[in-house]
Amino acid sequence: MTSERNAFWDKAYPEIQDFCQSLGLVFEVVDFRWGVSESVPADHMITELCLQEIESCQKVSTGLSFVVSVAIISEFPS
């Protein structure tokens, strides 16, 4: 997952940011899993934390907002 995050920040983010700025928009990224440690013991607590962050973002946003969810589960054999 780290390589995907790095690719996003190194390649995709600057292009999206530039495009949005050319339209007078602000592009903000919130990575829900970045910094969430093992100290959050139950999966439902992680979900609640993410939902609270979405609500917080919607309160401060004056424009369009959307959520993209990408999950990579590596604990299970393929």
C-alpha atoms as a PDB file:
ATOM      1  CA  MET A   1       0.000   0.000   0.000  1.00  0.00           C
ATOM      2  CA  THR A   2       2.924   2.341   0.597  1.00  0.00           C
ATOM      3  CA  SER A   3       3.996   2.261  -3.042  1.00  0.00           C
ATOM      4  CA  GLU A   4       0.457   3.185  -4.133  1.00  0.00           C
ATOM      5  CA  ARG A   5       0.368   6.101  -1.701  1.00  0.00           C
ATOM      6  CA  ASN A   6       3.774   7.305  -2.868  1.00  0.00           C
ATOM      7  CA  ALA A   7       2.714   7.082  -6.525  1.00  0.00           C
ATOM      8  CA  PHE A   8      -0.388   9.100  -5.782  1.00  0.00           C
ATOM      9  CA  TRP A   9       1.495  11.850  -3.940  1.00  0.00           C
ATOM     10  CA  ASP A  10       4.392  11.945  -6.424  1.00  0.00           C
ATOM     11  CA  LYS A  11       2.490  11.710  -9.710  1.00  0.00           C
ATOM     12  CA  ALA A  12      -1.283  12.019  -9.550  1.00  0.00           C
ATOM     13  CA  TYR A  13      -1.716  14.595  -6.799  1.00  0.00           C
ATOM     14  CA  PRO A  14       0.333  17.399  -8.431  1.00  0.00           C
ATOM     15  CA  GLU A  15      -1.578  17.018 -11.695  1.00  0.00           C
ATOM     16  CA  ILE A  16      -4.978  16.982 -10.007  1.00  0.00           C
ATOM     17  CA  GLN A  17      -3.985  19.926  -7.794  1.00  0.00           C
ATOM     18  CA  ASP A  18      -2.842  21.982 -10.807  1.00  0.00           C
ATOM     19  CA  PHE A  19      -6.012  21.149 -12.738  1.00  0.00           C
ATOM     20  CA  CYS A  20      -8.267  22.133  -9.830  1.00  0.00           C
ATOM     21  CA  GLN A  21      -6.349  25.363  -9.249  1.00  0.00           C
ATOM     22  CA  SER A  22      -6.760  26.275 -12.933  1.00  0.00           C
ATOM     23  CA  LEU A  23     -10.526  26.110 -12.335  1.00  0.00           C
ATOM     24  CA  GLY A  24     -10.342  28.080  -9.089  1.00  0.00           C
ATOM     25  CA  LEU A  25     -10.994  24.976  -6.980  1.00  0.00           C
ATOM     26  CA  VAL A  26      -9.188  23.577  -3.957  1.00  0.00           C
ATOM     27  CA  PHE A  27      -8.389  19.871  -4.002  1.00  0.00           C
ATOM     28  CA  GLU A  28      -8.037  18.333  -0.543  1.00  0.00           C
ATOM     29  CA  VAL A  29      -7.053  14.760   0.234  1.00  0.00           C
ATOM     30  CA  VAL A  30      -7.866  12.942   3.453  1.00  0.00           C
ATOM     31  CA  ASP A  31      -6.261   9.522   3.771  1.00  0.00           C
ATOM     32  CA  PHE A  32      -8.334   7.748   6.402  1.00  0.00           C
ATOM     33  CA  ARG A  33      -5.843   4.984   7.034  1.00  0.00           C
ATOM     34  CA  TRP A  34      -2.721   7.128   7.268  1.00  0.00           C
ATOM     35  CA  GLY A  35      -1.802   7.342  10.930  1.00  0.00           C
ATOM     36  CA  VAL A  36      -4.509   4.954  12.165  1.00  0.00           C
ATOM     37  CA  SER A  37      -2.557   2.659  14.403  1.00  0.00           C
ATOM     38  CA  GLU A  38      -3.164  -0.645  16.046  1.00  0.00           C
ATOM     39  CA  SER A  39      -4.295   1.324  19.107  1.00  0.00           C
ATOM     40  CA  VAL A  40      -7.746   1.527  17.535  1.00  0.00           C
ATOM     41  CA  PRO A  41      -8.762  -1.952  18.677  1.00  0.00           C
ATOM     42  CA  ALA A  42     -11.976  -2.767  16.856  1.00  0.00           C
ATOM     43  CA  ASP A  43     -12.875  -2.498  13.197  1.00  0.00           C
ATOM     44  CA  HIS A  44     -16.142  -0.706  14.013  1.00  0.00           C
ATOM     45  CA  MET A  45     -14.105   1.984  15.799  1.00  0.00           C
ATOM     46  CA  ILE A  46     -12.069   2.577  12.645  1.00  0.00           C
ATOM     47  CA  THR A  47     -15.266   2.909  10.624  1.00  0.00           C
ATOM     48  CA  GLU A  48     -16.662   5.387  13.141  1.00  0.00           C
ATOM     49  CA  LEU A  49     -13.429   7.393  13.020  1.00  0.00           C
ATOM     50  CA  CYS A  50     -13.619   7.569   9.219  1.00  0.00           C
ATOM     51  CA  LEU A  51     -17.283   8.618   9.253  1.00  0.00           C
ATOM     52  CA  GLN A  52     -16.509  11.378  11.748  1.00  0.00           C
ATOM     53  CA  GLU A  53     -13.735  12.648   9.477  1.00  0.00           C
ATOM     54  CA  ILE A  54     -16.120  12.725   6.493  1.00  0.00           C
ATOM     55  CA  GLU A  55     -18.613  14.768   8.528  1.00  0.00           C
ATOM     56  CA  SER A  56     -15.854  17.135   9.610  1.00  0.00           C
ATOM     57  CA  CYS A  57     -14.721  17.654   6.013  1.00  0.00           C
ATOM     58  CA  GLN A  58     -18.279  18.306   4.842  1.00  0.00           C
ATOM     59  CA  LYS A  59     -18.741  20.979   7.526  1.00  0.00           C
ATOM     60  CA  VAL A  60     -15.728  22.998   6.376  1.00  0.00           C
ATOM     61  CA  SER A  61     -16.258  22.489   2.644  1.00  0.00           C
ATOM     62  CA  THR A  62     -18.188  25.146   0.769  1.00  0.00           C
ATOM     63  CA  GLY A  63     -18.375  23.131  -2.405  1.00  0.00           C
ATOM     64  CA  LEU A  64     -18.502  19.719  -3.909  1.00  0.00           C
ATOM     65  CA  SER A  65     -17.226  16.806  -1.887  1.00  0.00           C
ATOM     66  CA  PHE A  66     -16.908  13.149  -2.691  1.00  0.00           C
ATOM     67  CA  VAL A  67     -15.445  10.025  -1.175  1.00  0.00           C
ATOM     68  CA  VAL A  68     -13.453   7.341  -2.934  1.00  0.00           C
ATOM     69  CA  SER A  69     -12.915   4.153  -1.031  1.00  0.00           C
ATOM     70  CA  VAL A  70     -10.127   1.817  -2.015  1.00  0.00           C
ATOM     71  CA  ALA A  71      -9.428  -1.264   0.035  1.00  0.00           C
ATOM     72  CA  ILE A  72      -6.665  -3.767  -0.330  1.00  0.00           C
ATOM     73  CA  ILE A  73      -7.013  -6.760   1.946  1.00  0.00           C
ATOM     74  CA  SER A  74      -3.831  -8.739   2.212  1.00  0.00           C
ATOM     75  CA  GLU A  75      -4.594 -10.838   5.263  1.00  0.00           C
ATOM     76  CA  PHE A  76      -6.491 -13.438   3.286  1.00  0.00           C
ATOM     77  CA  PRO A  77      -4.941 -15.831   0.785  1.00  0.00           C
ATOM     78  CA  SER A  78      -6.003 -15.273  -2.825  1.00  0.00           C
END
